[in-house]
């Protein structure tokens, strides 16, 4: 019984060692040469697992190289296109119509119509813009004739009247044709009407009276009736109008108009594209007007 047990134990150990060797070969863990059985099994796919693993690694490497080349080519194309966009420059076109794309980049696009829309939207909110308030002084002399119109009986008094002339420019009448976009020089030009005299504000509180000059035999103060006072004020207002509508006054108002309207519209142009500047010019089909009448 004991001898039989030893044989059985040896047989079982041999079987177990064989099984363990087969498991190791299947796991690719065998470090030595394959046995005859394992060599036979390689024909059925067991012994070739290491070679297939090597092939898979080579295949994966080739696929990775191909994908890398394709990705690199796409990146070069994207960088080439982006070099002419907003970050590096602007795409230039040869037309300046409302549909022309002046800039196309990573931060969006804009056209001439965008400038026009922004400017006209602001202009529609302004019936007119006050561009200048011109102070004015009108000296007047009042004479009260004495007996026989003799200077010795007459009185003379100088009066200084003050007022303000207000000049405006109407933006509500602007149209698309009044807005010109120069793509080459990156400039937007807005053609506005010439300044007009909107109204006159006489300031009677500032009226100054000089001491009356009297003849040797003149006495009393110069007094005027209400009708005379109204007539005098009307003549003063007319004298102010005549001065305020002279060419030099209108030219000065135009200069103020260019500055005032530039300050209103420049932020709108910059909001569309900071690289464009604004210039204000005059629509020469318009003229200065006196709107006080």
Protein backbone atom coordinates (compact mmCIF):
# COMPACT_ATOMS: atom_id res chain seq x y z
CA UNK A 1 0.00 0.00 0.00
CA UNK A 2 2.84 2.29 0.82
CA UNK A 3 4.61 1.60 -2.46
CA UNK A 4 1.46 2.20 -4.32
CA UNK A 5 0.97 5.52 -2.62
CA UNK A 6 4.43 6.69 -3.56
CA UNK A 7 3.85 5.86 -7.20
CA UNK A 8 0.55 7.62 -7.12
CA UNK A 9 2.14 10.67 -5.56
CA UNK A 10 4.90 10.78 -8.15
CA UNK A 11 2.39 10.39 -10.94
CA UNK A 12 0.24 13.20 -9.61
CA UNK A 13 3.26 15.50 -9.24
CA UNK A 14 4.30 14.78 -12.83
CA UNK A 15 0.81 15.53 -14.06
CA UNK A 16 0.65 18.72 -12.04
CA UNK A 17 4.07 19.88 -13.33
CA UNK A 18 2.95 19.25 -16.90
CA UNK A 19 -0.22 21.24 -16.33
CA UNK A 20 1.73 24.08 -14.78
CA UNK A 21 4.12 24.16 -17.74
CA UNK A 22 1.21 24.33 -20.16
CA UNK A 23 -0.37 27.16 -18.16
CA UNK A 24 2.91 29.05 -18.17
CA UNK A 25 3.28 28.65 -21.93
CA UNK A 26 -0.25 29.85 -22.46
CA UNK A 27 0.53 32.90 -20.34
CA UNK A 28 3.75 33.53 -22.29
CA UNK A 29 5.75 33.09 -19.13
CA UNK A 30 8.01 30.23 -20.29
CA UNK A 31 11.59 31.49 -20.35
CA UNK A 32 13.26 28.55 -21.99
CA UNK A 33 12.81 26.80 -25.31
CA UNK A 34 9.35 25.43 -25.94
CA UNK A 35 8.80 21.74 -25.46
CA UNK A 36 7.77 19.51 -28.24
CA UNK A 37 4.20 19.80 -27.20
CA UNK A 38 4.39 23.51 -27.01
CA UNK A 39 6.03 23.57 -30.42
CA UNK A 40 3.16 21.61 -31.80
CA UNK A 41 0.67 23.84 -30.07
CA UNK A 42 2.28 26.86 -31.75
CA UNK A 43 0.86 25.67 -34.98
CA UNK A 44 -2.54 26.04 -33.40
CA UNK A 45 -1.86 29.58 -32.20
CA UNK A 46 -0.44 29.10 -28.73
CA UNK A 47 3.25 29.45 -29.41
CA UNK A 48 2.70 32.42 -31.83
CA UNK A 49 1.11 34.81 -29.28
CA UNK A 50 4.42 36.63 -28.71
CA UNK A 51 4.92 37.25 -32.43
CA UNK A 52 1.37 38.53 -32.78
CA UNK A 53 1.96 40.95 -29.88
CA UNK A 54 5.06 42.32 -31.64
CA UNK A 55 3.10 42.74 -34.87
CA UNK A 56 0.35 44.58 -33.01
CA UNK A 57 2.86 46.99 -31.51
CA UNK A 58 4.42 47.72 -34.90
CA UNK A 59 0.98 48.20 -36.45
CA UNK A 60 -0.05 50.58 -33.65
CA UNK A 61 3.17 52.55 -34.12
CA UNK A 62 2.53 52.93 -37.87
CA UNK A 63 -1.06 54.03 -37.23
CA UNK A 64 0.20 56.59 -34.68
CA UNK A 65 2.72 58.00 -37.18
CA UNK A 66 0.03 58.35 -39.87
CA UNK A 67 -2.39 60.05 -37.48
CA UNK A 68 0.39 62.40 -36.34
CA UNK A 69 1.24 63.37 -39.92
CA UNK A 70 -2.42 64.09 -40.72
CA UNK A 71 -2.86 66.14 -37.54
CA UNK A 72 0.32 68.10 -38.30
CA UNK A 73 -0.85 68.88 -41.84
CA UNK A 74 -4.22 70.11 -40.56
CA UNK A 75 -2.49 72.28 -37.96
CA UNK A 76 -0.26 73.87 -40.61
CA UNK A 77 -3.32 74.66 -42.75
CA UNK A 78 -5.16 76.22 -39.80
CA UNK A 79 -2.17 78.34 -38.82
CA UNK A 80 -1.75 79.46 -42.43
CA UNK A 81 -5.37 80.59 -42.59
CA UNK A 82 -5.25 82.23 -39.19
CA UNK A 83 -2.21 84.27 -40.16
CA UNK A 84 -4.42 86.50 -42.29
CA UNK A 85 -7.18 86.84 -39.75
CA UNK A 86 -7.83 89.33 -36.97
CA UNK A 87 -5.03 88.11 -34.70
CA UNK A 88 -2.36 88.59 -37.38
CA UNK A 89 -3.95 90.84 -39.95
CA UNK A 90 -7.08 91.30 -42.01
CA UNK A 91 -8.47 89.65 -45.07
CA UNK A 92 -8.51 92.31 -47.75
CA UNK A 93 -11.14 92.52 -50.45
CA UNK A 94 -11.31 94.68 -53.53
CA UNK A 95 -14.83 96.04 -53.08
CA UNK A 96 -16.40 98.40 -50.57
CA UNK A 97 -20.05 97.40 -50.72
CA UNK A 98 -22.31 96.91 -47.72
CA UNK A 99 -21.85 93.13 -48.01
CA UNK A 100 -18.06 93.15 -48.17
CA UNK A 101 -16.41 91.33 -45.29
CA UNK A 102 -13.60 93.61 -44.09
CA UNK A 103 -12.43 91.40 -41.26
CA UNK A 104 -12.81 87.71 -40.67
CA UNK A 105 -10.96 86.28 -37.74
CA UNK A 106 -11.22 84.39 -34.51
CA UNK A 107 -13.27 87.17 -32.93
CA UNK A 108 -15.93 87.56 -35.62
CA UNK A 109 -16.56 89.47 -38.83
CA UNK A 110 -17.75 92.94 -39.78
CA UNK A 111 -18.82 94.71 -42.96
CA UNK A 112 -19.50 98.25 -44.12
CA UNK A 113 -23.12 97.70 -43.16
CA UNK A 114 -22.08 97.19 -39.54
CA UNK A 115 -20.51 100.67 -39.42
CA UNK A 116 -23.57 102.18 -41.09
CA UNK A 117 -25.97 100.44 -38.73
CA UNK A 118 -24.11 101.60 -35.64
CA UNK A 119 -23.81 105.22 -36.79
CA UNK A 120 -27.33 105.57 -38.17
CA UNK A 121 -28.76 104.01 -35.02
CA UNK A 122 -27.12 106.69 -32.90
CA UNK A 123 -28.02 109.45 -35.37
CA UNK A 124 -31.70 108.53 -35.25
CA UNK A 125 -31.71 109.32 -31.54
CA UNK A 126 -30.57 112.91 -32.15
CA UNK A 127 -32.83 115.40 -33.88
CA UNK A 128 -29.97 117.81 -33.65
CA UNK A 129 -26.75 118.10 -31.67
CA UNK A 130 -25.74 121.41 -30.12
CA UNK A 131 -22.23 122.02 -31.41
CA UNK A 132 -21.55 125.56 -30.24
CA UNK A 133 -22.95 128.28 -27.97
CA UNK A 134 -21.62 131.63 -29.11
CA UNK A 135 -21.78 134.56 -26.63
CA UNK A 136 -22.46 137.91 -28.24
CA UNK A 137 -22.53 141.55 -27.15
CA UNK A 138 -24.49 144.32 -28.86
CA UNK A 139 -23.83 147.95 -27.89
CA UNK A 140 -26.69 150.42 -28.41
CA UNK A 141 -26.88 154.19 -27.99
CA UNK A 142 -30.06 155.96 -26.95
CA UNK A 143 -30.41 159.66 -27.55
CA UNK A 144 -33.07 161.93 -26.06
CA UNK A 145 -33.23 165.09 -28.04
CA UNK A 146 -33.76 168.29 -26.11
CA UNK A 147 -35.36 171.59 -26.90
CA UNK A 148 -34.90 172.41 -30.56
CA UNK A 149 -32.73 169.28 -30.94
CA UNK A 150 -29.92 171.30 -29.49
CA UNK A 151 -27.07 169.28 -28.02
CA UNK A 152 -27.05 171.47 -24.93
CA UNK A 153 -30.48 170.13 -24.00
CA UNK A 154 -29.94 166.48 -25.14
CA UNK A 155 -29.05 163.28 -23.28
CA UNK A 156 -27.12 160.26 -24.56
CA UNK A 157 -26.83 156.83 -22.95
CA UNK A 158 -24.93 153.70 -24.06
CA UNK A 159 -26.50 150.30 -23.34
CA UNK A 160 -24.82 146.90 -23.77
CA UNK A 161 -27.03 143.90 -24.46
CA UNK A 162 -25.78 140.30 -24.16
CA UNK A 163 -27.02 137.06 -25.56
CA UNK A 164 -26.05 133.64 -26.90
CA UNK A 165 -26.36 132.14 -30.34
CA UNK A 166 -26.86 128.34 -30.40
CA UNK A 167 -25.62 126.35 -33.41
CA UNK A 168 -26.72 122.79 -34.11
CA UNK A 169 -26.20 120.00 -36.63
CA UNK A 170 -29.05 117.63 -37.49
CA UNK A 171 -28.02 113.96 -37.58
CA UNK A 172 -31.48 112.52 -38.05
CA UNK A 173 -31.22 113.10 -41.80
CA UNK A 174 -28.09 110.97 -42.25
CA UNK A 175 -28.36 108.07 -44.70
CA UNK A 176 -26.12 105.20 -45.77
CA UNK A 177 -24.75 107.34 -48.59
CA UNK A 178 -23.37 109.74 -45.96
CA UNK A 179 -21.12 107.01 -44.51
CA UNK A 180 -18.07 105.97 -46.49
CA UNK A 181 -15.82 103.05 -45.49
CA UNK A 182 -12.24 103.07 -46.78
CA UNK A 183 -10.93 99.54 -46.30
CA UNK A 184 -7.42 100.27 -47.56
CA UNK A 185 -6.79 103.10 -45.10
CA UNK A 186 -9.06 101.62 -42.40
CA UNK A 187 -11.07 104.82 -42.14
CA UNK A 188 -14.77 105.63 -41.82
CA UNK A 189 -15.86 109.05 -43.11
CA UNK A 190 -19.21 110.52 -42.10
CA UNK A 191 -20.51 113.46 -44.15
CA UNK A 192 -22.65 115.75 -41.99
CA UNK A 193 -24.70 118.89 -42.80
CA UNK A 194 -23.20 122.31 -42.19
CA UNK A 195 -24.01 123.96 -38.88
CA UNK A 196 -27.18 126.04 -38.55
CA UNK A 197 -28.13 128.84 -36.20
CA UNK A 198 -30.90 127.17 -34.18
CA UNK A 199 -31.95 130.02 -31.88
CA UNK A 200 -30.83 133.20 -30.10
CA UNK A 201 -31.12 133.70 -26.36
CA UNK A 202 -30.94 137.37 -25.34
CA UNK A 203 -29.91 137.65 -21.70
CA UNK A 204 -31.57 140.81 -20.47
CA UNK A 205 -30.34 140.23 -16.93
CA UNK A 206 -26.82 141.03 -18.10
CA UNK A 207 -27.77 144.33 -19.75
CA UNK A 208 -25.38 147.12 -18.75
CA UNK A 209 -26.21 150.84 -18.76
CA UNK A 210 -23.53 153.48 -18.89
CA UNK A 211 -24.09 156.77 -17.14
CA UNK A 212 -25.95 159.09 -19.45
CA UNK A 213 -24.13 161.94 -21.09
CA UNK A 214 -25.96 165.20 -20.63
CA UNK A 215 -25.88 168.55 -22.27
CA UNK A 216 -25.26 171.52 -19.98
CA UNK A 217 -28.95 172.33 -19.74
CA UNK A 218 -30.31 168.76 -19.88
CA UNK A 219 -32.02 167.41 -16.79
CA UNK A 220 -33.97 164.30 -15.69
CA UNK A 221 -33.44 160.68 -16.80
CA UNK A 222 -34.00 159.04 -20.14
CA UNK A 223 -37.28 157.19 -19.95
CA UNK A 224 -38.83 154.89 -22.55
CA UNK A 225 -42.34 153.69 -22.98
CA UNK A 226 -43.10 149.95 -23.06
CA UNK A 227 -43.50 150.14 -26.82
CA UNK A 228 -40.12 151.82 -27.15
CA UNK A 229 -38.50 149.16 -24.97
CA UNK A 230 -39.99 146.29 -27.03
CA UNK A 231 -38.90 147.95 -30.23
CA UNK A 232 -35.40 148.37 -28.87
CA UNK A 233 -35.19 144.72 -27.81
CA UNK A 234 -36.35 143.56 -31.23
CA UNK A 235 -33.72 145.67 -32.91
CA UNK A 236 -31.09 144.24 -30.56
CA UNK A 237 -32.16 140.66 -31.36
CA UNK A 238 -32.00 141.47 -35.07
CA UNK A 239 -28.53 142.91 -34.61
CA UNK A 240 -27.49 139.69 -32.84
CA UNK A 241 -28.90 137.58 -35.68
CA UNK A 242 -27.07 139.63 -38.27
CA UNK A 243 -23.79 139.07 -36.46
CA UNK A 244 -24.33 135.40 -35.71
CA UNK A 245 -25.11 134.55 -39.33
CA UNK A 246 -21.96 136.04 -40.75
CA UNK A 247 -19.53 133.69 -42.50
CA UNK A 248 -16.85 133.66 -39.82
CA UNK A 249 -19.42 132.64 -37.20
CA UNK A 250 -20.67 129.75 -39.32
CA UNK A 251 -17.11 128.59 -40.06
CA UNK A 252 -16.33 128.56 -36.35
CA UNK A 253 -19.51 126.58 -35.66
CA UNK A 254 -18.51 124.04 -38.33
CA UNK A 255 -15.17 123.46 -36.63
CA UNK A 256 -16.90 122.84 -33.34
CA UNK A 257 -19.36 120.53 -35.11
CA UNK A 258 -16.58 118.27 -36.39
CA UNK A 259 -15.17 117.85 -32.89
CA UNK A 260 -18.53 117.39 -31.15
CA UNK A 261 -19.86 114.80 -33.58
CA UNK A 262 -16.54 112.93 -33.67
CA UNK A 263 -16.80 112.51 -29.89
CA UNK A 264 -20.32 111.09 -30.28
CA UNK A 265 -19.62 108.66 -33.14
CA UNK A 266 -16.02 107.54 -32.53
CA UNK A 267 -16.95 105.05 -29.77
CA UNK A 268 -19.45 103.43 -32.16
CA UNK A 269 -16.81 102.96 -34.86
CA UNK A 270 -14.36 101.56 -32.31
CA UNK A 271 -17.00 99.11 -31.06
CA UNK A 272 -17.22 97.63 -34.57
CA UNK A 273 -13.45 97.58 -35.14
CA UNK A 274 -10.80 99.29 -33.01
CA UNK A 275 -8.44 99.35 -36.01
CA UNK A 276 -10.68 101.80 -37.94
CA UNK A 277 -10.61 105.56 -37.35
CA UNK A 278 -13.36 108.11 -37.83
CA UNK A 279 -13.22 111.29 -39.88
CA UNK A 280 -15.94 113.95 -40.03
CA UNK A 281 -16.47 115.89 -43.25
CA UNK A 282 -19.25 118.10 -44.58
CA UNK A 283 -21.87 117.23 -47.11
CA UNK A 284 -21.34 120.01 -49.62
CA UNK A 285 -24.88 119.64 -50.92
CA UNK A 286 -25.99 121.29 -47.66
CA UNK A 287 -25.54 124.88 -46.53
CA UNK A 288 -25.66 126.97 -43.38
CA UNK A 289 -29.16 127.88 -42.30
CA UNK A 290 -30.74 130.47 -40.04
CA UNK A 291 -33.49 128.57 -38.22
CA UNK A 292 -34.39 131.44 -35.90
CA UNK A 293 -36.80 133.09 -38.29
